[in-house]
N, C-alpha and C. Protein backbone atom coordinates (compact mmCIF):
# COMPACT_ATOMS: atom_id res chain seq x y z
N MET A 1 -330.58 -97.26 -124.45
CA MET A 1 -329.58 -97.71 -123.49
C MET A 1 -330.34 -98.41 -122.35
N ALA A 2 -329.87 -99.58 -121.97
CA ALA A 2 -330.50 -100.34 -120.90
C ALA A 2 -329.94 -99.86 -119.57
N VAL A 3 -330.82 -99.67 -118.62
CA VAL A 3 -330.39 -99.22 -117.29
C VAL A 3 -330.52 -100.40 -116.33
N THR A 4 -329.41 -100.77 -115.70
CA THR A 4 -329.43 -101.82 -114.69
C THR A 4 -329.05 -101.21 -113.35
N MET A 5 -329.28 -101.99 -112.27
CA MET A 5 -328.95 -101.49 -110.93
C MET A 5 -327.45 -101.29 -110.77
N CYS A 6 -326.64 -102.17 -111.35
CA CYS A 6 -325.19 -102.08 -111.16
C CYS A 6 -324.58 -100.97 -111.98
N ALA A 7 -325.14 -100.69 -113.13
CA ALA A 7 -324.50 -99.73 -114.02
C ALA A 7 -325.43 -98.58 -114.34
N ARG A 8 -326.04 -97.99 -113.35
CA ARG A 8 -326.94 -96.86 -113.57
C ARG A 8 -326.11 -95.64 -113.91
N LEU A 9 -326.29 -95.15 -115.06
CA LEU A 9 -325.59 -93.97 -115.52
C LEU A 9 -326.61 -92.96 -116.01
N PHE A 10 -326.27 -91.72 -115.95
CA PHE A 10 -327.15 -90.74 -116.55
C PHE A 10 -326.31 -89.72 -117.31
N LEU A 11 -326.97 -89.02 -118.19
CA LEU A 11 -326.28 -88.10 -119.09
C LEU A 11 -326.23 -86.71 -118.50
N HIS A 12 -325.08 -86.08 -118.63
CA HIS A 12 -324.90 -84.68 -118.24
C HIS A 12 -324.60 -83.88 -119.49
N ARG A 13 -325.15 -82.70 -119.57
CA ARG A 13 -324.80 -81.81 -120.66
C ARG A 13 -323.61 -80.98 -120.21
N CYS A 14 -322.62 -80.92 -121.06
CA CYS A 14 -321.49 -80.06 -120.78
C CYS A 14 -321.07 -79.39 -122.07
N ALA A 15 -320.07 -78.54 -122.02
CA ALA A 15 -319.65 -77.76 -123.18
C ALA A 15 -319.19 -78.66 -124.33
N GLN A 16 -318.59 -79.81 -124.03
CA GLN A 16 -318.09 -80.69 -125.08
C GLN A 16 -319.19 -81.58 -125.65
N GLY A 17 -320.30 -81.64 -125.05
CA GLY A 17 -321.37 -82.50 -125.52
C GLY A 17 -321.94 -83.29 -124.38
N LEU A 18 -322.36 -84.49 -124.66
CA LEU A 18 -322.94 -85.34 -123.64
C LEU A 18 -321.85 -86.16 -122.97
N ARG A 19 -321.95 -86.31 -121.66
CA ARG A 19 -320.97 -87.08 -120.90
C ARG A 19 -321.71 -88.07 -119.99
N LEU A 20 -321.21 -89.31 -119.94
CA LEU A 20 -321.80 -90.30 -119.05
C LEU A 20 -321.11 -90.21 -117.69
N SER A 21 -321.86 -90.24 -116.61
CA SER A 21 -321.26 -90.23 -115.27
C SER A 21 -322.04 -91.18 -114.37
N PRO A 22 -321.34 -91.80 -113.41
CA PRO A 22 -322.07 -92.71 -112.50
C PRO A 22 -322.97 -91.93 -111.57
N LEU A 23 -324.07 -92.52 -111.27
CA LEU A 23 -325.01 -91.90 -110.34
C LEU A 23 -324.51 -92.15 -108.93
N THR A 24 -324.24 -91.10 -108.18
CA THR A 24 -323.75 -91.26 -106.81
C THR A 24 -324.92 -91.41 -105.88
N PRO A 25 -324.88 -92.37 -104.99
CA PRO A 25 -325.99 -92.56 -104.06
C PRO A 25 -325.98 -91.46 -103.00
N PRO A 26 -327.11 -91.21 -102.37
CA PRO A 26 -327.13 -90.23 -101.28
C PRO A 26 -326.20 -90.66 -100.15
N ALA A 27 -325.72 -89.70 -99.37
CA ALA A 27 -324.70 -89.95 -98.35
C ALA A 27 -325.16 -90.91 -97.26
N PHE A 28 -326.42 -90.88 -96.84
CA PHE A 28 -326.86 -91.68 -95.71
C PHE A 28 -327.86 -92.76 -96.10
N THR A 29 -327.54 -93.53 -97.13
CA THR A 29 -328.45 -94.61 -97.50
C THR A 29 -328.23 -95.84 -96.64
N SER A 30 -327.01 -96.04 -96.15
CA SER A 30 -326.73 -97.20 -95.32
C SER A 30 -327.16 -96.92 -93.88
N PRO A 31 -327.85 -97.87 -93.24
CA PRO A 31 -328.25 -97.64 -91.86
C PRO A 31 -327.04 -97.55 -90.92
N PHE A 32 -325.88 -98.06 -91.35
CA PHE A 32 -324.71 -98.02 -90.49
C PHE A 32 -324.04 -96.65 -90.49
N LEU A 33 -324.39 -95.81 -91.47
CA LEU A 33 -323.78 -94.49 -91.55
C LEU A 33 -324.62 -93.42 -90.87
N SER A 34 -325.84 -93.71 -90.54
CA SER A 34 -326.67 -92.71 -89.89
C SER A 34 -326.51 -92.81 -88.38
N ARG A 35 -326.69 -91.72 -87.71
CA ARG A 35 -326.49 -91.68 -86.26
C ARG A 35 -327.64 -92.34 -85.50
N SER A 36 -328.78 -92.46 -86.12
CA SER A 36 -329.94 -92.97 -85.39
C SER A 36 -330.00 -94.49 -85.37
N HIS A 37 -329.17 -95.15 -86.16
CA HIS A 37 -329.22 -96.62 -86.22
C HIS A 37 -328.38 -97.22 -85.10
N ARG A 38 -328.96 -98.14 -84.35
CA ARG A 38 -328.24 -98.86 -83.30
C ARG A 38 -328.01 -100.28 -83.79
N LEU A 39 -326.78 -100.76 -83.61
CA LEU A 39 -326.46 -102.13 -84.01
C LEU A 39 -327.16 -103.11 -83.08
N GLY A 40 -327.59 -104.20 -83.63
CA GLY A 40 -328.24 -105.24 -82.84
C GLY A 40 -327.76 -106.60 -83.30
N PRO A 41 -328.22 -107.66 -82.66
CA PRO A 41 -327.78 -109.01 -83.03
C PRO A 41 -328.08 -109.37 -84.48
N SER A 42 -329.08 -108.75 -85.09
CA SER A 42 -329.40 -109.07 -86.48
C SER A 42 -328.40 -108.46 -87.46
N ASP A 43 -327.52 -107.59 -87.00
CA ASP A 43 -326.53 -106.96 -87.87
C ASP A 43 -325.27 -107.80 -88.03
N ASP A 44 -325.33 -109.06 -87.64
CA ASP A 44 -324.27 -110.04 -87.83
C ASP A 44 -322.91 -109.58 -87.32
N GLU A 45 -321.94 -109.49 -88.23
CA GLU A 45 -320.56 -109.26 -87.84
C GLU A 45 -320.31 -107.86 -87.28
N MET A 46 -321.18 -106.92 -87.58
CA MET A 46 -320.99 -105.56 -87.09
C MET A 46 -321.34 -105.46 -85.60
N TYR A 47 -322.10 -106.43 -85.10
CA TYR A 47 -322.55 -106.39 -83.71
C TYR A 47 -321.65 -107.29 -82.88
N GLN A 48 -320.91 -106.71 -81.96
CA GLN A 48 -320.05 -107.49 -81.07
C GLN A 48 -320.22 -106.95 -79.67
N ARG A 49 -320.39 -107.86 -78.74
CA ARG A 49 -320.52 -107.45 -77.34
C ARG A 49 -319.14 -107.25 -76.75
N THR A 50 -319.00 -106.25 -75.93
CA THR A 50 -317.75 -105.97 -75.24
C THR A 50 -318.03 -105.99 -73.76
N THR A 51 -317.19 -106.70 -73.01
CA THR A 51 -317.33 -106.70 -71.56
C THR A 51 -316.08 -106.08 -70.96
N VAL A 52 -316.27 -105.37 -69.88
CA VAL A 52 -315.18 -104.69 -69.20
C VAL A 52 -315.22 -105.06 -67.73
N SER A 53 -314.09 -105.46 -67.19
CA SER A 53 -313.97 -105.71 -65.76
C SER A 53 -313.17 -104.57 -65.16
N VAL A 54 -313.77 -103.84 -64.25
CA VAL A 54 -313.09 -102.73 -63.62
C VAL A 54 -312.32 -103.25 -62.43
N MET A 55 -310.99 -103.17 -62.50
CA MET A 55 -310.17 -103.65 -61.40
C MET A 55 -309.93 -102.55 -60.39
N GLN A 56 -309.87 -101.30 -60.86
CA GLN A 56 -309.63 -100.20 -59.95
C GLN A 56 -310.93 -99.42 -59.80
N LYS A 57 -311.43 -99.38 -58.60
CA LYS A 57 -312.72 -98.74 -58.36
C LYS A 57 -312.61 -97.22 -58.42
N GLU A 58 -311.49 -96.67 -58.02
CA GLU A 58 -311.29 -95.23 -58.00
C GLU A 58 -310.27 -94.88 -59.07
N PRO A 59 -310.57 -93.91 -59.96
CA PRO A 59 -309.63 -93.59 -61.01
C PRO A 59 -308.28 -93.14 -60.44
N GLY A 60 -307.21 -93.69 -61.00
CA GLY A 60 -305.88 -93.30 -60.56
C GLY A 60 -305.37 -94.03 -59.34
N ALA A 61 -306.23 -94.78 -58.66
CA ALA A 61 -305.79 -95.50 -57.46
C ALA A 61 -305.03 -96.74 -57.90
N GLY A 62 -303.96 -97.04 -57.21
CA GLY A 62 -303.17 -98.22 -57.55
C GLY A 62 -303.76 -99.47 -56.91
N ALA A 63 -303.13 -100.58 -57.22
CA ALA A 63 -303.55 -101.85 -56.65
C ALA A 63 -303.25 -101.89 -55.16
N LEU A 64 -304.02 -102.68 -54.41
CA LEU A 64 -303.79 -102.86 -52.98
C LEU A 64 -303.63 -104.34 -52.66
N ILE A 65 -302.71 -104.63 -51.77
CA ILE A 65 -302.50 -106.01 -51.33
C ILE A 65 -303.41 -106.22 -50.12
N HIS A 66 -304.39 -107.09 -50.27
CA HIS A 66 -305.35 -107.31 -49.19
C HIS A 66 -304.85 -108.33 -48.17
N SER A 67 -304.11 -109.35 -48.62
CA SER A 67 -303.60 -110.35 -47.69
C SER A 67 -302.44 -111.10 -48.32
N TYR A 68 -301.70 -111.80 -47.47
CA TYR A 68 -300.60 -112.65 -47.93
C TYR A 68 -300.60 -113.92 -47.10
N SER A 69 -299.99 -114.95 -47.65
CA SER A 69 -299.86 -116.23 -46.95
C SER A 69 -298.59 -116.90 -47.48
N PRO A 70 -298.21 -118.04 -46.92
CA PRO A 70 -297.06 -118.75 -47.46
C PRO A 70 -297.25 -119.23 -48.91
N ARG A 71 -298.51 -119.28 -49.36
CA ARG A 71 -298.78 -119.71 -50.74
C ARG A 71 -298.80 -118.56 -51.73
N GLY A 72 -299.07 -117.34 -51.28
CA GLY A 72 -299.14 -116.23 -52.23
C GLY A 72 -299.85 -115.02 -51.66
N PHE A 73 -300.52 -114.27 -52.54
CA PHE A 73 -301.07 -112.96 -52.19
C PHE A 73 -302.48 -112.80 -52.74
N ASN A 74 -303.26 -111.95 -52.08
CA ASN A 74 -304.56 -111.52 -52.58
C ASN A 74 -304.41 -110.05 -52.92
N ILE A 75 -304.41 -109.75 -54.21
CA ILE A 75 -304.21 -108.37 -54.67
C ILE A 75 -305.47 -107.94 -55.40
N ASP A 76 -306.21 -107.03 -54.80
CA ASP A 76 -307.47 -106.54 -55.36
C ASP A 76 -308.41 -107.68 -55.76
N GLY A 77 -308.47 -108.72 -54.94
CA GLY A 77 -309.36 -109.83 -55.22
C GLY A 77 -308.78 -110.89 -56.14
N ASN A 78 -307.59 -110.66 -56.66
CA ASN A 78 -306.92 -111.64 -57.52
C ASN A 78 -305.96 -112.46 -56.68
N ARG A 79 -306.09 -113.78 -56.73
CA ARG A 79 -305.17 -114.66 -56.00
C ARG A 79 -303.94 -114.90 -56.85
N VAL A 80 -302.78 -114.63 -56.28
CA VAL A 80 -301.51 -114.83 -56.96
C VAL A 80 -300.72 -115.84 -56.15
N PHE A 81 -300.31 -116.93 -56.77
CA PHE A 81 -299.57 -117.98 -56.07
C PHE A 81 -298.08 -117.81 -56.32
N GLY A 82 -297.31 -117.87 -55.24
CA GLY A 82 -295.86 -117.76 -55.35
C GLY A 82 -295.39 -116.32 -55.45
N PRO A 83 -294.08 -116.13 -55.72
CA PRO A 83 -293.53 -114.78 -55.84
C PRO A 83 -294.20 -114.03 -56.98
N CYS A 84 -294.40 -112.73 -56.79
CA CYS A 84 -295.04 -111.93 -57.83
C CYS A 84 -294.38 -110.58 -57.97
N ALA A 85 -294.52 -110.02 -59.15
CA ALA A 85 -294.10 -108.66 -59.46
C ALA A 85 -295.37 -107.85 -59.63
N LEU A 86 -295.53 -106.87 -58.80
CA LEU A 86 -296.71 -106.02 -58.83
C LEU A 86 -296.30 -104.70 -59.46
N LEU A 87 -296.75 -104.49 -60.69
CA LEU A 87 -296.38 -103.32 -61.47
C LEU A 87 -297.59 -102.40 -61.61
N PRO A 88 -297.38 -101.13 -61.93
CA PRO A 88 -298.53 -100.25 -62.08
C PRO A 88 -299.62 -100.77 -63.02
N PRO A 89 -299.30 -101.36 -64.17
CA PRO A 89 -300.41 -101.85 -64.99
C PRO A 89 -300.78 -103.31 -64.82
N ALA A 90 -299.99 -104.10 -64.06
CA ALA A 90 -300.24 -105.55 -64.08
C ALA A 90 -299.70 -106.25 -62.84
N ILE A 91 -300.14 -107.50 -62.69
CA ILE A 91 -299.61 -108.40 -61.67
C ILE A 91 -299.01 -109.58 -62.42
N LEU A 92 -297.74 -109.85 -62.19
CA LEU A 92 -297.05 -110.92 -62.92
C LEU A 92 -296.40 -111.90 -61.96
N GLN A 93 -296.25 -113.15 -62.40
CA GLN A 93 -295.46 -114.11 -61.64
C GLN A 93 -294.01 -113.68 -61.78
N TRP A 94 -293.26 -113.76 -60.69
CA TRP A 94 -291.87 -113.34 -60.68
C TRP A 94 -291.03 -114.59 -60.49
N ASN A 95 -290.12 -114.84 -61.38
CA ASN A 95 -289.37 -116.09 -61.39
C ASN A 95 -288.18 -116.05 -60.44
N VAL A 96 -288.45 -115.95 -59.16
CA VAL A 96 -287.42 -116.04 -58.12
C VAL A 96 -287.93 -117.02 -57.06
N GLY A 97 -287.01 -117.74 -56.44
CA GLY A 97 -287.41 -118.67 -55.39
C GLY A 97 -287.16 -118.12 -54.01
N SER A 98 -286.08 -117.35 -53.87
CA SER A 98 -285.73 -116.74 -52.59
C SER A 98 -285.00 -115.43 -52.87
N TYR A 99 -284.63 -114.73 -51.82
CA TYR A 99 -283.93 -113.46 -52.00
C TYR A 99 -282.60 -113.66 -52.73
N LYS A 100 -282.01 -114.85 -52.66
CA LYS A 100 -280.74 -115.13 -53.34
C LYS A 100 -280.89 -115.12 -54.86
N ASP A 101 -282.11 -115.32 -55.34
CA ASP A 101 -282.36 -115.32 -56.79
C ASP A 101 -282.62 -113.92 -57.35
N ILE A 102 -282.61 -112.90 -56.51
CA ILE A 102 -282.82 -111.53 -56.99
C ILE A 102 -281.50 -111.05 -57.57
N THR A 103 -281.46 -110.98 -58.91
CA THR A 103 -280.25 -110.61 -59.64
C THR A 103 -280.54 -109.42 -60.55
N VAL A 104 -279.49 -108.95 -61.22
CA VAL A 104 -279.65 -107.86 -62.18
C VAL A 104 -280.65 -108.27 -63.26
N GLU A 105 -280.58 -109.52 -63.71
CA GLU A 105 -281.50 -109.99 -64.76
C GLU A 105 -282.95 -110.03 -64.27
N SER A 106 -283.17 -110.44 -63.04
CA SER A 106 -284.55 -110.50 -62.54
C SER A 106 -285.12 -109.12 -62.26
N MET A 107 -284.27 -108.10 -62.20
CA MET A 107 -284.72 -106.72 -61.96
C MET A 107 -285.06 -105.98 -63.26
N ALA A 108 -284.68 -106.54 -64.41
CA ALA A 108 -284.91 -105.86 -65.69
C ALA A 108 -286.38 -105.49 -65.88
N LEU A 109 -287.24 -106.32 -65.39
CA LEU A 109 -288.68 -106.08 -65.49
C LEU A 109 -289.07 -104.73 -64.87
N PHE A 110 -288.42 -104.35 -63.80
CA PHE A 110 -288.82 -103.15 -63.07
C PHE A 110 -288.26 -101.86 -63.67
N TYR A 111 -287.06 -101.89 -64.24
CA TYR A 111 -286.52 -100.63 -64.75
C TYR A 111 -286.82 -100.40 -66.22
N MET A 112 -287.47 -101.33 -66.88
CA MET A 112 -287.82 -101.15 -68.29
C MET A 112 -289.24 -100.59 -68.46
N LEU A 113 -289.92 -100.33 -67.38
CA LEU A 113 -291.31 -99.86 -67.44
C LEU A 113 -291.41 -98.40 -67.87
N GLU A 114 -292.49 -98.07 -68.54
CA GLU A 114 -292.86 -96.69 -68.82
C GLU A 114 -294.27 -96.52 -68.30
N PRO A 115 -294.63 -95.57 -67.55
CA PRO A 115 -293.77 -94.54 -66.96
C PRO A 115 -292.85 -95.15 -65.90
N ARG A 116 -291.73 -94.52 -65.71
CA ARG A 116 -290.73 -95.01 -64.75
C ARG A 116 -291.31 -95.06 -63.35
N ILE A 117 -290.97 -96.14 -62.64
CA ILE A 117 -291.43 -96.23 -61.26
C ILE A 117 -290.52 -95.40 -60.37
N GLU A 118 -291.09 -94.83 -59.32
CA GLU A 118 -290.32 -94.02 -58.37
C GLU A 118 -289.69 -94.89 -57.30
N VAL A 119 -290.49 -95.85 -56.80
CA VAL A 119 -290.04 -96.67 -55.67
C VAL A 119 -290.32 -98.13 -55.98
N LEU A 120 -289.35 -98.98 -55.69
CA LEU A 120 -289.52 -100.42 -55.79
C LEU A 120 -289.44 -100.98 -54.38
N VAL A 121 -290.49 -101.67 -53.96
CA VAL A 121 -290.54 -102.29 -52.64
C VAL A 121 -290.27 -103.77 -52.82
N LEU A 122 -289.22 -104.28 -52.18
CA LEU A 122 -288.89 -105.70 -52.27
C LEU A 122 -289.23 -106.38 -50.95
N GLY A 123 -290.07 -107.39 -51.03
CA GLY A 123 -290.41 -108.22 -49.87
C GLY A 123 -289.63 -109.52 -49.97
N THR A 124 -288.70 -109.74 -49.05
CA THR A 124 -287.76 -110.86 -49.17
C THR A 124 -288.19 -112.11 -48.39
N GLY A 125 -289.43 -112.21 -48.01
CA GLY A 125 -289.91 -113.39 -47.28
C GLY A 125 -290.17 -113.08 -45.82
N GLY A 126 -289.82 -114.01 -44.95
CA GLY A 126 -290.10 -113.87 -43.52
C GLY A 126 -289.18 -112.88 -42.80
N ARG A 127 -288.01 -112.62 -43.37
CA ARG A 127 -287.05 -111.70 -42.75
C ARG A 127 -286.54 -110.72 -43.78
N SER A 128 -286.05 -109.60 -43.32
CA SER A 128 -285.40 -108.65 -44.21
C SER A 128 -284.00 -109.19 -44.51
N GLU A 129 -283.70 -109.38 -45.78
CA GLU A 129 -282.43 -109.97 -46.19
C GLU A 129 -281.62 -108.95 -46.99
N ARG A 130 -280.32 -109.18 -47.06
CA ARG A 130 -279.44 -108.30 -47.83
C ARG A 130 -279.51 -108.69 -49.31
N ILE A 131 -279.66 -107.68 -50.15
CA ILE A 131 -279.70 -107.88 -51.59
C ILE A 131 -278.31 -107.57 -52.16
N ASP A 132 -277.93 -108.24 -53.24
CA ASP A 132 -276.65 -108.03 -53.90
C ASP A 132 -276.44 -106.53 -54.18
N PRO A 133 -275.32 -105.96 -53.74
CA PRO A 133 -275.06 -104.53 -53.95
C PRO A 133 -275.08 -104.11 -55.42
N LYS A 134 -274.74 -105.02 -56.34
CA LYS A 134 -274.78 -104.69 -57.77
C LYS A 134 -276.21 -104.39 -58.21
N VAL A 135 -277.15 -105.14 -57.66
CA VAL A 135 -278.56 -104.94 -58.00
C VAL A 135 -279.02 -103.57 -57.50
N LEU A 136 -278.69 -103.24 -56.27
CA LEU A 136 -279.09 -101.95 -55.70
C LEU A 136 -278.45 -100.79 -56.45
N ALA A 137 -277.17 -100.95 -56.84
CA ALA A 137 -276.47 -99.90 -57.59
C ALA A 137 -277.10 -99.69 -58.97
N LEU A 138 -277.50 -100.78 -59.61
CA LEU A 138 -278.14 -100.67 -60.92
C LEU A 138 -279.45 -99.89 -60.82
N LEU A 139 -280.28 -100.25 -59.84
CA LEU A 139 -281.56 -99.56 -59.68
C LEU A 139 -281.37 -98.09 -59.33
N LYS A 140 -280.37 -97.80 -58.51
CA LYS A 140 -280.07 -96.40 -58.16
C LYS A 140 -279.64 -95.63 -59.41
N SER A 141 -278.83 -96.27 -60.26
CA SER A 141 -278.40 -95.60 -61.49
C SER A 141 -279.56 -95.34 -62.44
N LYS A 142 -280.61 -96.12 -62.34
CA LYS A 142 -281.82 -95.94 -63.17
C LYS A 142 -282.80 -94.95 -62.54
N GLY A 143 -282.47 -94.43 -61.35
CA GLY A 143 -283.33 -93.45 -60.70
C GLY A 143 -284.48 -94.05 -59.92
N ILE A 144 -284.34 -95.30 -59.49
CA ILE A 144 -285.40 -95.98 -58.75
C ILE A 144 -284.95 -96.16 -57.30
N ALA A 145 -285.74 -95.65 -56.37
CA ALA A 145 -285.47 -95.85 -54.95
C ALA A 145 -285.93 -97.26 -54.57
N VAL A 146 -285.17 -97.94 -53.71
CA VAL A 146 -285.48 -99.32 -53.34
C VAL A 146 -285.68 -99.42 -51.84
N GLU A 147 -286.76 -100.09 -51.44
CA GLU A 147 -287.04 -100.41 -50.04
C GLU A 147 -287.00 -101.93 -49.91
N VAL A 148 -286.05 -102.45 -49.13
CA VAL A 148 -285.95 -103.89 -48.92
C VAL A 148 -286.45 -104.19 -47.51
N GLN A 149 -287.50 -105.02 -47.43
CA GLN A 149 -288.13 -105.32 -46.15
C GLN A 149 -288.60 -106.78 -46.15
N ASP A 150 -288.97 -107.25 -44.95
CA ASP A 150 -289.64 -108.54 -44.92
C ASP A 150 -291.00 -108.37 -45.60
N THR A 151 -291.57 -109.45 -46.10
CA THR A 151 -292.78 -109.36 -46.92
C THR A 151 -293.98 -108.71 -46.21
N PRO A 152 -294.27 -109.02 -44.94
CA PRO A 152 -295.41 -108.34 -44.31
C PRO A 152 -295.26 -106.82 -44.29
N ASN A 153 -294.08 -106.32 -43.96
CA ASN A 153 -293.87 -104.88 -43.95
C ASN A 153 -293.81 -104.30 -45.37
N ALA A 154 -293.29 -105.09 -46.32
CA ALA A 154 -293.25 -104.62 -47.71
C ALA A 154 -294.67 -104.45 -48.26
N CYS A 155 -295.59 -105.34 -47.89
CA CYS A 155 -296.99 -105.21 -48.32
C CYS A 155 -297.60 -103.92 -47.78
N ALA A 156 -297.35 -103.65 -46.51
CA ALA A 156 -297.89 -102.42 -45.89
C ALA A 156 -297.28 -101.17 -46.53
N THR A 157 -295.98 -101.21 -46.79
CA THR A 157 -295.31 -100.06 -47.41
C THR A 157 -295.85 -99.84 -48.82
N PHE A 158 -296.01 -100.91 -49.57
CA PHE A 158 -296.56 -100.78 -50.92
C PHE A 158 -297.96 -100.16 -50.89
N ASN A 159 -298.82 -100.66 -50.00
CA ASN A 159 -300.18 -100.11 -49.90
C ASN A 159 -300.16 -98.63 -49.54
N PHE A 160 -299.28 -98.24 -48.61
CA PHE A 160 -299.20 -96.84 -48.20
C PHE A 160 -298.76 -95.97 -49.37
N LEU A 161 -297.70 -96.36 -50.07
CA LEU A 161 -297.20 -95.57 -51.20
C LEU A 161 -298.22 -95.53 -52.34
N SER A 162 -298.89 -96.63 -52.56
CA SER A 162 -299.90 -96.68 -53.61
C SER A 162 -301.08 -95.77 -53.27
N SER A 163 -301.46 -95.73 -52.00
CA SER A 163 -302.58 -94.86 -51.59
C SER A 163 -302.22 -93.38 -51.73
N GLU A 164 -300.94 -93.08 -51.71
CA GLU A 164 -300.48 -91.70 -51.93
C GLU A 164 -300.34 -91.38 -53.41
N ARG A 165 -300.75 -92.32 -54.26
CA ARG A 165 -300.70 -92.19 -55.71
C ARG A 165 -299.26 -92.03 -56.23
N ARG A 166 -298.33 -92.67 -55.57
CA ARG A 166 -296.96 -92.71 -56.05
C ARG A 166 -296.85 -93.79 -57.12
N VAL A 167 -295.90 -93.64 -58.04
CA VAL A 167 -295.67 -94.68 -59.04
C VAL A 167 -294.75 -95.70 -58.38
N VAL A 168 -295.36 -96.77 -57.87
CA VAL A 168 -294.65 -97.76 -57.06
C VAL A 168 -294.85 -99.15 -57.64
N ALA A 169 -293.83 -99.98 -57.49
CA ALA A 169 -293.91 -101.38 -57.88
C ALA A 169 -293.40 -102.22 -56.72
N ALA A 170 -293.71 -103.51 -56.75
CA ALA A 170 -293.26 -104.39 -55.68
C ALA A 170 -292.81 -105.72 -56.27
N GLY A 171 -291.76 -106.27 -55.67
CA GLY A 171 -291.34 -107.63 -55.93
C GLY A 171 -291.50 -108.37 -54.62
N LEU A 172 -292.42 -109.32 -54.58
CA LEU A 172 -292.79 -109.95 -53.31
C LEU A 172 -292.56 -111.46 -53.33
N ILE A 173 -291.90 -111.94 -52.30
CA ILE A 173 -291.71 -113.38 -52.08
C ILE A 173 -292.56 -113.75 -50.87
N PRO A 174 -293.45 -114.75 -51.00
CA PRO A 174 -294.31 -115.09 -49.85
C PRO A 174 -293.48 -115.49 -48.63
N PRO A 175 -293.94 -115.11 -47.44
CA PRO A 175 -293.21 -115.51 -46.23
C PRO A 175 -293.40 -117.02 -45.98
N PRO A 176 -292.43 -117.64 -45.32
CA PRO A 176 -292.58 -119.08 -45.04
C PRO A 176 -293.64 -119.32 -43.97
N ILE A 177 -294.03 -120.57 -43.82
CA ILE A 177 -294.98 -120.93 -42.76
C ILE A 177 -294.32 -120.70 -41.42
N SER A 178 -294.96 -119.95 -40.57
CA SER A 178 -294.40 -119.62 -39.27
C SER A 178 -294.97 -120.58 -38.22
N THR A 179 -294.07 -121.15 -37.43
CA THR A 179 -294.52 -122.02 -36.34
C THR A 179 -294.38 -121.34 -34.98
N ASP A 180 -293.88 -120.09 -35.01
CA ASP A 180 -293.70 -119.34 -33.77
C ASP A 180 -295.04 -118.76 -33.31
N LEU A 181 -295.23 -118.72 -32.00
CA LEU A 181 -296.38 -118.04 -31.45
C LEU A 181 -295.97 -116.60 -31.18
N GLU A 182 -296.73 -115.68 -31.72
CA GLU A 182 -296.36 -114.28 -31.54
C GLU A 182 -297.29 -113.60 -30.59
């Protein structure tokens, strides 16, 4: 019988006679299966570099709004232009132009989140504006408390609640350019 590398068989004695069985290789012949082998660039497709950007320096700490302007916000070093939705896992552009565009449909983003947010802080621009009562009633029915404030105060409120490790989200509209001397 010819023995090749692909079809190495050996004979076993058993009660019925001789039986052919495949030769099983030892368990740790592959360098990828042993614990002492480290992957390197020569290992081709098995070697892939992974990079991680840590956005939150302290575990469990939420995002912080560092500054705002008429163009947008600086949130943990990320520049966001225009209105934004600040959610526990992400920062998103929010498709509203003014407080008048805050509707039940534009709020769906906030009440569909898991885990559920406790407080939603709405920054309505340069002044605190009235939000449609249907929107507030919907959020209340979903168990979400709502704080409606002008954007500068909404940023401060969001930072305070976030620092207390509350599950908080924000919908922020940048304040207009102010020409008043304060």
